[in-house]
C-alpha atoms as a PDB file:
ATOM      1  CA  UNK A   1      20.575  -3.876  25.151  1.00  0.00           C
ATOM      2  CA  UNK A   2      24.170  -2.648  25.143  1.00  0.00           C
ATOM      3  CA  UNK A   3      25.166   1.002  25.499  1.00  0.00           C
ATOM      4  CA  UNK A   4      26.399   1.039  21.887  1.00  0.00           C
ATOM      5  CA  UNK A   5      22.971  -0.189  20.709  1.00  0.00           C
ATOM      6  CA  UNK A   6      21.179   2.527  22.653  1.00  0.00           C
ATOM      7  CA  UNK A   7      23.483   5.242  21.310  1.00  0.00           C
ATOM      8  CA  UNK A   8      23.142   3.961  17.746  1.00  0.00           C
ATOM      9  CA  UNK A   9      19.359   3.952  18.098  1.00  0.00           C
ATOM     10  CA  UNK A  10      19.319   7.531  19.391  1.00  0.00           C
ATOM     11  CA  UNK A  11      21.629   8.691  16.600  1.00  0.00           C
ATOM     12  CA  UNK A  12      19.567   7.007  13.905  1.00  0.00           C
ATOM     13  CA  UNK A  13      16.339   8.460  15.328  1.00  0.00           C
ATOM     14  CA  UNK A  14      17.825  11.979  15.219  1.00  0.00           C
ATOM     15  CA  UNK A  15      18.940  11.456  11.607  1.00  0.00           C
ATOM     16  CA  UNK A  16      15.588  10.021  10.531  1.00  0.00           C
ATOM     17  CA  UNK A  17      13.589  12.790  12.215  1.00  0.00           C
ATOM     18  CA  UNK A  18      15.703  15.388  10.400  1.00  0.00           C
ATOM     19  CA  UNK A  19      15.225  13.536   7.112  1.00  0.00           C
ATOM     20  CA  UNK A  20      11.456  13.219   7.550  1.00  0.00           C
ATOM     21  CA  UNK A  21      11.040  16.859   8.594  1.00  0.00           C
ATOM     22  CA  UNK A  22      12.946  17.877   5.486  1.00  0.00           C
ATOM     23  CA  UNK A  23      11.050  15.464   3.271  1.00  0.00           C
ATOM     24  CA  UNK A  24       7.703  16.851   4.426  1.00  0.00           C
ATOM     25  CA  UNK A  25       8.895  20.458   4.020  1.00  0.00           C
ATOM     26  CA  UNK A  26       8.835  21.220   7.746  1.00  0.00           C
ATOM     27  CA  UNK A  27      12.575  21.853   7.998  1.00  0.00           C
ATOM     28  CA  UNK A  28      14.644  23.222   5.112  1.00  0.00           C
ATOM     29  CA  UNK A  29      17.962  21.520   4.361  1.00  0.00           C
ATOM     30  CA  UNK A  30      19.699  24.903   4.564  1.00  0.00           C
ATOM     31  CA  UNK A  31      18.655  25.508   8.173  1.00  0.00           C
ATOM     32  CA  UNK A  32      20.920  25.448  11.216  1.00  0.00           C
ATOM     33  CA  UNK A  33      18.578  23.029  12.976  1.00  0.00           C
ATOM     34  CA  UNK A  34      18.742  20.522  10.117  1.00  0.00           C
ATOM     35  CA  UNK A  35      22.540  20.734   9.996  1.00  0.00           C
ATOM     36  CA  UNK A  36      22.773  20.441  13.773  1.00  0.00           C
ATOM     37  CA  UNK A  37      20.516  17.384  13.808  1.00  0.00           C
ATOM     38  CA  UNK A  38      22.643  15.751  11.114  1.00  0.00           C
ATOM     39  CA  UNK A  39      25.849  16.586  12.988  1.00  0.00           C
ATOM     40  CA  UNK A  40      24.556  15.296  16.314  1.00  0.00           C
ATOM     41  CA  UNK A  41      22.928  12.179  14.876  1.00  0.00           C
ATOM     42  CA  UNK A  42      25.928  11.238  12.744  1.00  0.00           C
ATOM     43  CA  UNK A  43      28.316  11.994  15.593  1.00  0.00           C
ATOM     44  CA  UNK A  44      26.409   9.718  17.955  1.00  0.00           C
ATOM     45  CA  UNK A  45      26.301   6.976  15.316  1.00  0.00           C
ATOM     46  CA  UNK A  46      30.044   7.348  14.659  1.00  0.00           C
ATOM     47  CA  UNK A  47      30.781   7.030  18.358  1.00  0.00           C
ATOM     48  CA  UNK A  48      28.563   3.979  18.741  1.00  0.00           C
ATOM     49  CA  UNK A  49      30.300   2.404  15.724  1.00  0.00           C
ATOM     50  CA  UNK A  50      33.668   3.147  17.319  1.00  0.00           C
ATOM     51  CA  UNK A  51      32.505   1.426  20.502  1.00  0.00           C
ATOM     52  CA  UNK A  52      31.987  -1.818  18.582  1.00  0.00           C
ATOM     53  CA  UNK A  53      34.948  -1.235  16.241  1.00  0.00           C
ATOM     54  CA  UNK A  54      32.838  -1.321  13.080  1.00  0.00           C
ATOM     55  CA  UNK A  55      35.220   0.677  10.900  1.00  0.00           C
ATOM     56  CA  UNK A  56      33.166   1.160   7.699  1.00  0.00           C
ATOM     57  CA  UNK A  57      30.462   2.953   9.662  1.00  0.00           C
ATOM     58  CA  UNK A  58      32.988   4.920  11.688  1.00  0.00           C
ATOM     59  CA  UNK A  59      34.222   6.347   8.388  1.00  0.00           C
ATOM     60  CA  UNK A  60      30.725   6.867   6.959  1.00  0.00           C
ATOM     61  CA  UNK A  61      29.280   8.564  10.017  1.00  0.00           C
ATOM     62  CA  UNK A  62      32.409  10.627  10.708  1.00  0.00           C
ATOM     63  CA  UNK A  63      32.406  12.012   7.164  1.00  0.00           C
ATOM     64  CA  UNK A  64      28.658  12.675   7.455  1.00  0.00           C
ATOM     65  CA  UNK A  65      29.221  14.514  10.742  1.00  0.00           C
ATOM     66  CA  UNK A  66      32.077  16.580   9.289  1.00  0.00           C
ATOM     67  CA  UNK A  67      30.026  17.662   6.276  1.00  0.00           C
ATOM     68  CA  UNK A  68      27.080  18.475   8.536  1.00  0.00           C
ATOM     69  CA  UNK A  69      29.387  20.535  10.764  1.00  0.00           C
ATOM     70  CA  UNK A  70      30.750  22.383   7.734  1.00  0.00           C
ATOM     71  CA  UNK A  71      27.192  23.082   6.631  1.00  0.00           C
ATOM     72  CA  UNK A  72      26.257  24.195  10.138  1.00  0.00           C
ATOM     73  CA  UNK A  73      29.130  26.656  10.252  1.00  0.00           C
ATOM     74  CA  UNK A  74      28.302  27.951   6.759  1.00  0.00           C
ATOM     75  CA  UNK A  75      24.635  28.817   7.471  1.00  0.00           C
ATOM     76  CA  UNK A  76      24.226  32.568   7.997  1.00  0.00           C
ATOM     77  CA  UNK A  77      23.631  33.703  11.557  1.00  0.00           C
ATOM     78  CA  UNK A  78      20.034  34.444  12.479  1.00  0.00           C
ATOM     79  CA  UNK A  79      18.707  31.527  10.425  1.00  0.00           C
ATOM     80  CA  UNK A  80      16.851  29.395  12.918  1.00  0.00           C
ATOM     81  CA  UNK A  81      14.794  27.266  10.582  1.00  0.00           C
END
């Protein structure tokens, strides 16, 4: 397995865990943790896509990461969930 495959797998796992936790009402979409998981997961996926020069997913994951970062910075301080 190549390094890009491992990174992509880790990024996708982070994104899916965040999605499932939200889906099952364990982690609200407005929380810092949810936004951070989306930012980290999408960032890792964007980087792994860059490693293999797969441009459509570089764009997709980079935009996802930017919106997650904006959401992360917008969440009021003291909100841990």
